Amino acid sequence: MALFHRVPINGLGTLTVSSDEGVVFRPWGVTRKLSVPHHVVHCEDSITMAKAVICPPWISTFLVVRDRETTVLVGVLGFRRHRLRRAFAQAGIALRERWAWSVPVSSLYRRSERRHLR
């Protein structure tokens, strides 16, 4: 397995980018119990990185990780963007970057998933 990047997500889990598995979010302790009980393997050919302009750097960047049943917004520290871009390029995963004044959470979900956010 060619591992390109592994990021701890503020004590909530681990985001791994590799050539074999692609993008995988593995939740830890509290996150696993409260929201995502299993790991989420991204199932699309590209991944979305949403960046908020007016938010502090530690909460300004989110990756949208989707498997067949679940969509997870994974918060990443802003200064890790460059390494993540490089890791996605090495793994052959296209990156869609979106800028906004604040993170438009509901617009990042598929239309069929938005009803669960209300």
N, C-alpha and C. Protein backbone atom coordinates (compact mmCIF):
# COMPACT_ATOMS: atom_id res chain seq x y z
N MET A 1 0.84 -1.18 0.00
CA MET A 1 0.00 0.00 0.00
C MET A 1 0.88 1.24 0.00
N ALA A 2 0.63 2.14 -0.90
CA ALA A 2 1.36 3.40 -0.94
C ALA A 2 0.57 4.44 -0.16
N LEU A 3 1.04 4.75 1.03
CA LEU A 3 0.37 5.73 1.88
C LEU A 3 0.93 7.10 1.56
N PHE A 4 0.06 8.03 1.19
CA PHE A 4 0.51 9.36 0.83
C PHE A 4 0.35 10.37 1.96
N HIS A 5 -0.68 10.18 2.80
CA HIS A 5 -0.90 11.15 3.87
C HIS A 5 -1.83 10.56 4.92
N ARG A 6 -1.52 10.81 6.19
CA ARG A 6 -2.40 10.44 7.29
C ARG A 6 -2.50 11.65 8.21
N VAL A 7 -3.72 12.11 8.44
CA VAL A 7 -3.95 13.33 9.22
C VAL A 7 -4.80 13.02 10.44
N PRO A 8 -4.32 13.34 11.65
CA PRO A 8 -5.22 13.25 12.80
C PRO A 8 -6.19 14.44 12.77
N ILE A 9 -7.46 14.17 12.99
CA ILE A 9 -8.49 15.21 12.89
C ILE A 9 -8.88 15.66 14.30
N ASN A 10 -8.10 16.56 14.88
CA ASN A 10 -8.39 17.19 16.17
C ASN A 10 -8.95 16.24 17.21
N GLY A 11 -8.39 15.05 17.32
CA GLY A 11 -8.82 14.09 18.32
C GLY A 11 -10.11 13.37 17.98
N LEU A 12 -10.66 13.59 16.79
CA LEU A 12 -11.94 13.00 16.41
C LEU A 12 -11.81 11.79 15.49
N GLY A 13 -10.66 11.61 14.89
CA GLY A 13 -10.46 10.49 13.98
C GLY A 13 -9.22 10.69 13.14
N THR A 14 -9.08 9.87 12.11
CA THR A 14 -7.93 9.93 11.21
C THR A 14 -8.41 9.94 9.77
N LEU A 15 -7.82 10.80 8.96
CA LEU A 15 -8.08 10.83 7.53
C LEU A 15 -6.85 10.27 6.84
N THR A 16 -7.03 9.22 6.02
CA THR A 16 -5.92 8.57 5.33
C THR A 16 -6.13 8.69 3.83
N VAL A 17 -5.06 9.06 3.11
CA VAL A 17 -5.07 9.11 1.65
C VAL A 17 -4.03 8.12 1.17
N SER A 18 -4.46 7.10 0.42
CA SER A 18 -3.53 6.10 -0.10
C SER A 18 -3.95 5.69 -1.50
N SER A 19 -3.05 5.03 -2.19
CA SER A 19 -3.37 4.61 -3.56
C SER A 19 -4.29 3.40 -3.57
N ASP A 20 -4.26 2.57 -2.53
CA ASP A 20 -5.09 1.36 -2.50
C ASP A 20 -6.51 1.64 -2.05
N GLU A 21 -6.68 2.32 -0.92
CA GLU A 21 -8.01 2.56 -0.37
C GLU A 21 -8.62 3.87 -0.81
N GLY A 22 -7.83 4.80 -1.30
CA GLY A 22 -8.32 6.13 -1.63
C GLY A 22 -8.35 6.98 -0.38
N VAL A 23 -9.48 7.65 -0.12
CA VAL A 23 -9.64 8.50 1.05
C VAL A 23 -10.52 7.77 2.07
N VAL A 24 -10.02 7.64 3.29
CA VAL A 24 -10.75 6.92 4.34
C VAL A 24 -10.74 7.77 5.61
N PHE A 25 -11.93 7.99 6.19
CA PHE A 25 -12.04 8.64 7.49
C PHE A 25 -12.39 7.58 8.52
N ARG A 26 -11.53 7.45 9.55
CA ARG A 26 -11.75 6.49 10.63
C ARG A 26 -12.01 7.27 11.92
N PRO A 27 -13.26 7.23 12.41
CA PRO A 27 -13.57 7.99 13.64
C PRO A 27 -13.00 7.31 14.88
N TRP A 28 -12.73 8.12 15.89
CA TRP A 28 -12.27 7.62 17.17
C TRP A 28 -13.38 7.77 18.20
N GLY A 29 -13.20 7.22 19.36
CA GLY A 29 -14.03 7.28 20.55
C GLY A 29 -15.36 8.00 20.49
N VAL A 30 -15.38 9.27 20.88
CA VAL A 30 -16.62 10.03 20.99
C VAL A 30 -17.30 10.19 19.63
N THR A 31 -16.53 10.45 18.60
CA THR A 31 -17.11 10.60 17.26
C THR A 31 -17.80 9.32 16.83
N ARG A 32 -17.18 8.20 17.11
CA ARG A 32 -17.76 6.91 16.74
C ARG A 32 -19.07 6.67 17.49
N LYS A 33 -19.11 7.05 18.75
CA LYS A 33 -20.30 6.82 19.55
C LYS A 33 -21.45 7.77 19.22
N LEU A 34 -21.12 9.04 18.90
CA LEU A 34 -22.17 10.04 18.70
C LEU A 34 -22.63 10.20 17.26
N SER A 35 -21.74 10.03 16.28
CA SER A 35 -22.18 10.37 14.93
C SER A 35 -21.87 9.31 13.88
N VAL A 36 -20.62 8.91 13.74
CA VAL A 36 -20.25 8.00 12.65
C VAL A 36 -19.73 6.70 13.27
N PRO A 37 -20.53 5.63 13.29
CA PRO A 37 -20.12 4.41 13.98
C PRO A 37 -19.12 3.55 13.21
N HIS A 38 -18.85 3.87 11.96
CA HIS A 38 -17.97 3.04 11.13
C HIS A 38 -17.03 3.94 10.35
N HIS A 39 -16.02 3.36 9.73
CA HIS A 39 -15.14 4.17 8.88
C HIS A 39 -15.86 4.46 7.56
N VAL A 40 -15.52 5.60 6.96
CA VAL A 40 -16.16 6.05 5.73
C VAL A 40 -15.10 6.04 4.63
N VAL A 41 -15.32 5.21 3.61
CA VAL A 41 -14.41 5.12 2.47
C VAL A 41 -15.01 5.93 1.34
N HIS A 42 -14.31 6.97 0.92
CA HIS A 42 -14.82 7.86 -0.13
C HIS A 42 -15.00 7.07 -1.43
N CYS A 43 -16.18 7.17 -2.04
CA CYS A 43 -16.51 6.32 -3.18
C CYS A 43 -16.52 7.05 -4.52
N GLU A 44 -16.19 8.33 -4.55
CA GLU A 44 -16.23 9.08 -5.81
C GLU A 44 -14.81 9.29 -6.34
N ASP A 45 -14.72 9.67 -7.63
CA ASP A 45 -13.42 9.89 -8.26
C ASP A 45 -12.78 11.21 -7.86
N SER A 46 -13.59 12.12 -7.34
CA SER A 46 -13.06 13.41 -6.91
C SER A 46 -13.56 13.71 -5.50
N ILE A 47 -12.90 14.65 -4.84
CA ILE A 47 -13.28 15.03 -3.49
C ILE A 47 -13.39 16.55 -3.43
N THR A 48 -14.29 17.05 -2.60
CA THR A 48 -14.51 18.49 -2.47
C THR A 48 -13.83 19.01 -1.21
N MET A 49 -13.07 20.10 -1.38
CA MET A 49 -12.47 20.80 -0.25
C MET A 49 -13.14 22.17 -0.17
N ALA A 50 -13.85 22.45 0.91
CA ALA A 50 -14.52 23.73 1.11
C ALA A 50 -13.70 24.57 2.07
N LYS A 51 -13.43 25.82 1.68
CA LYS A 51 -12.61 26.71 2.50
C LYS A 51 -13.38 27.99 2.80
N ALA A 52 -13.47 28.34 4.07
CA ALA A 52 -14.16 29.55 4.48
C ALA A 52 -13.15 30.68 4.66
N VAL A 53 -13.49 31.86 4.14
CA VAL A 53 -12.58 32.99 4.17
C VAL A 53 -12.53 33.65 5.54
N ILE A 54 -13.67 33.82 6.20
CA ILE A 54 -13.70 34.61 7.44
C ILE A 54 -13.66 33.76 8.71
N CYS A 55 -13.36 32.49 8.61
CA CYS A 55 -13.25 31.63 9.79
C CYS A 55 -11.80 31.52 10.23
N PRO A 56 -11.57 31.24 11.50
CA PRO A 56 -10.19 31.01 11.97
C PRO A 56 -9.58 29.81 11.25
N PRO A 57 -8.26 29.78 11.10
CA PRO A 57 -7.61 28.73 10.31
C PRO A 57 -7.86 27.31 10.81
N TRP A 58 -8.11 27.14 12.10
CA TRP A 58 -8.30 25.78 12.62
C TRP A 58 -9.70 25.23 12.33
N ILE A 59 -10.62 26.06 11.84
CA ILE A 59 -11.95 25.56 11.46
C ILE A 59 -12.37 26.06 10.08
N SER A 60 -11.42 26.37 9.22
CA SER A 60 -11.74 26.99 7.94
C SER A 60 -11.78 26.03 6.76
N THR A 61 -11.34 24.81 6.92
CA THR A 61 -11.26 23.87 5.80
C THR A 61 -11.99 22.58 6.13
N PHE A 62 -12.82 22.14 5.18
CA PHE A 62 -13.58 20.91 5.34
C PHE A 62 -13.46 20.06 4.09
N LEU A 63 -13.35 18.75 4.27
CA LEU A 63 -13.40 17.81 3.16
C LEU A 63 -14.73 17.07 3.23
N VAL A 64 -15.34 16.86 2.09
CA VAL A 64 -16.61 16.13 2.03
C VAL A 64 -16.28 14.69 1.65
N VAL A 65 -16.39 13.78 2.62
CA VAL A 65 -16.07 12.37 2.42
C VAL A 65 -17.38 11.61 2.34
N ARG A 66 -17.59 10.89 1.22
CA ARG A 66 -18.85 10.18 0.99
C ARG A 66 -18.60 8.71 0.69
N ASP A 67 -19.40 7.86 1.33
CA ASP A 67 -19.49 6.49 0.85
C ASP A 67 -20.91 6.31 0.33
N ARG A 68 -21.34 5.10 0.13
CA ARG A 68 -22.65 4.88 -0.48
C ARG A 68 -23.82 5.32 0.41
N GLU A 69 -23.61 5.34 1.74
CA GLU A 69 -24.70 5.63 2.67
C GLU A 69 -24.51 6.91 3.48
N THR A 70 -23.28 7.36 3.63
CA THR A 70 -22.97 8.43 4.58
C THR A 70 -22.17 9.54 3.92
N THR A 71 -22.46 10.78 4.31
CA THR A 71 -21.65 11.93 3.94
C THR A 71 -21.12 12.56 5.22
N VAL A 72 -19.80 12.76 5.28
CA VAL A 72 -19.17 13.30 6.48
C VAL A 72 -18.37 14.53 6.09
N LEU A 73 -18.53 15.62 6.85
CA LEU A 73 -17.68 16.79 6.70
C LEU A 73 -16.53 16.65 7.68
N VAL A 74 -15.33 16.54 7.17
CA VAL A 74 -14.14 16.35 8.01
C VAL A 74 -13.38 17.67 8.07
N GLY A 75 -13.31 18.25 9.26
CA GLY A 75 -12.59 19.50 9.44
C GLY A 75 -11.09 19.27 9.49
N VAL A 76 -10.35 20.05 8.71
CA VAL A 76 -8.89 19.91 8.62
C VAL A 76 -8.28 21.28 8.90
N LEU A 77 -7.16 21.31 9.59
CA LEU A 77 -6.47 22.57 9.83
C LEU A 77 -6.07 23.21 8.50
N GLY A 78 -6.24 24.52 8.40
CA GLY A 78 -5.99 25.24 7.16
C GLY A 78 -4.58 25.10 6.62
N PHE A 79 -3.59 25.00 7.51
CA PHE A 79 -2.21 24.91 7.03
C PHE A 79 -1.87 23.53 6.47
N ARG A 80 -2.79 22.57 6.52
CA ARG A 80 -2.55 21.25 5.94
C ARG A 80 -3.05 21.13 4.50
N ARG A 81 -3.64 22.20 3.97
CA ARG A 81 -4.19 22.14 2.61
C ARG A 81 -3.16 21.75 1.57
N HIS A 82 -1.97 22.34 1.65
CA HIS A 82 -0.93 22.07 0.64
C HIS A 82 -0.56 20.59 0.62
N ARG A 83 -0.36 20.01 1.80
CA ARG A 83 0.00 18.58 1.86
C ARG A 83 -1.15 17.70 1.37
N LEU A 84 -2.38 18.09 1.68
CA LEU A 84 -3.52 17.31 1.19
C LEU A 84 -3.64 17.39 -0.32
N ARG A 85 -3.44 18.58 -0.90
CA ARG A 85 -3.47 18.69 -2.37
C ARG A 85 -2.45 17.75 -3.00
N ARG A 86 -1.24 17.74 -2.45
CA ARG A 86 -0.18 16.87 -2.97
C ARG A 86 -0.55 15.40 -2.83
N ALA A 87 -1.12 15.03 -1.67
CA ALA A 87 -1.51 13.63 -1.43
C ALA A 87 -2.61 13.20 -2.39
N PHE A 88 -3.61 14.06 -2.62
CA PHE A 88 -4.68 13.71 -3.57
C PHE A 88 -4.12 13.56 -4.98
N ALA A 89 -3.21 14.43 -5.37
CA ALA A 89 -2.61 14.34 -6.71
C ALA A 89 -1.82 13.03 -6.85
N GLN A 90 -1.05 12.65 -5.83
CA GLN A 90 -0.27 11.42 -5.89
C GLN A 90 -1.16 10.19 -5.92
N ALA A 91 -2.32 10.26 -5.25
CA ALA A 91 -3.25 9.12 -5.23
C ALA A 91 -4.15 9.08 -6.46
N GLY A 92 -4.07 10.11 -7.31
CA GLY A 92 -4.89 10.15 -8.52
C GLY A 92 -6.34 10.54 -8.26
N ILE A 93 -6.58 11.30 -7.20
CA ILE A 93 -7.93 11.74 -6.84
C ILE A 93 -8.06 13.22 -7.20
N ALA A 94 -9.05 13.54 -8.04
CA ALA A 94 -9.27 14.93 -8.45
C ALA A 94 -9.79 15.72 -7.25
N LEU A 95 -9.36 16.98 -7.15
CA LEU A 95 -9.76 17.83 -6.03
C LEU A 95 -10.57 19.00 -6.56
N ARG A 96 -11.78 19.17 -6.02
CA ARG A 96 -12.61 20.34 -6.32
C ARG A 96 -12.54 21.26 -5.12
N GLU A 97 -12.05 22.47 -5.33
CA GLU A 97 -11.93 23.42 -4.22
C GLU A 97 -13.02 24.47 -4.35
N ARG A 98 -13.68 24.77 -3.24
CA ARG A 98 -14.74 25.76 -3.20
C ARG A 98 -14.42 26.78 -2.11
N TRP A 99 -14.51 28.05 -2.47
CA TRP A 99 -14.31 29.14 -1.52
C TRP A 99 -15.65 29.75 -1.19
N ALA A 100 -15.83 30.18 0.06
CA ALA A 100 -17.04 30.89 0.48
C ALA A 100 -16.67 31.78 1.66
N TRP A 101 -17.52 32.75 1.96
CA TRP A 101 -17.26 33.59 3.13
C TRP A 101 -17.33 32.76 4.40
N SER A 102 -18.30 31.89 4.47
CA SER A 102 -18.38 30.91 5.55
C SER A 102 -18.67 29.56 4.90
N VAL A 103 -18.48 28.51 5.62
CA VAL A 103 -18.67 27.19 5.01
C VAL A 103 -20.16 26.94 4.79
N PRO A 104 -20.59 26.80 3.52
CA PRO A 104 -22.01 26.57 3.20
C PRO A 104 -22.34 25.09 3.37
N VAL A 105 -22.55 24.70 4.61
CA VAL A 105 -22.67 23.28 4.95
C VAL A 105 -23.74 22.57 4.14
N SER A 106 -24.94 23.11 4.07
CA SER A 106 -26.03 22.38 3.40
C SER A 106 -25.78 22.23 1.90
N SER A 107 -25.07 23.16 1.27
CA SER A 107 -24.83 23.05 -0.17
C SER A 107 -23.79 21.99 -0.51
N LEU A 108 -23.06 21.47 0.49
CA LEU A 108 -22.05 20.46 0.23
C LEU A 108 -22.64 19.06 0.18
N TYR A 109 -23.86 18.91 0.67
CA TYR A 109 -24.52 17.61 0.66
C TYR A 109 -25.29 17.41 -0.63
N ARG A 110 -25.52 16.16 -0.99
CA ARG A 110 -26.37 15.85 -2.12
C ARG A 110 -27.79 16.29 -1.80
N ARG A 111 -28.54 16.61 -2.81
CA ARG A 111 -29.91 17.08 -2.62
C ARG A 111 -30.75 16.09 -1.81
N SER A 112 -30.58 14.79 -2.06
CA SER A 112 -31.37 13.78 -1.35
C SER A 112 -31.00 13.69 0.13
N GLU A 113 -29.80 14.16 0.50
CA GLU A 113 -29.36 14.08 1.90
C GLU A 113 -29.73 15.31 2.70
N ARG A 114 -30.11 16.41 2.06
CA ARG A 114 -30.36 17.67 2.75
C ARG A 114 -31.54 17.59 3.70
N ARG A 115 -32.53 16.78 3.42
CA ARG A 115 -33.70 16.72 4.28
C ARG A 115 -33.34 16.24 5.68
N HIS A 116 -32.23 15.48 5.82
CA HIS A 116 -31.81 14.97 7.12
C HIS A 116 -31.12 16.06 7.96
N LEU A 117 -30.74 17.18 7.34
CA LEU A 117 -30.05 18.24 8.06
C LEU A 117 -31.03 19.16 8.80
N ARG A 118 -32.29 19.13 8.45
CA ARG A 118 -33.27 20.04 9.05
C ARG A 118 -33.78 19.53 10.35
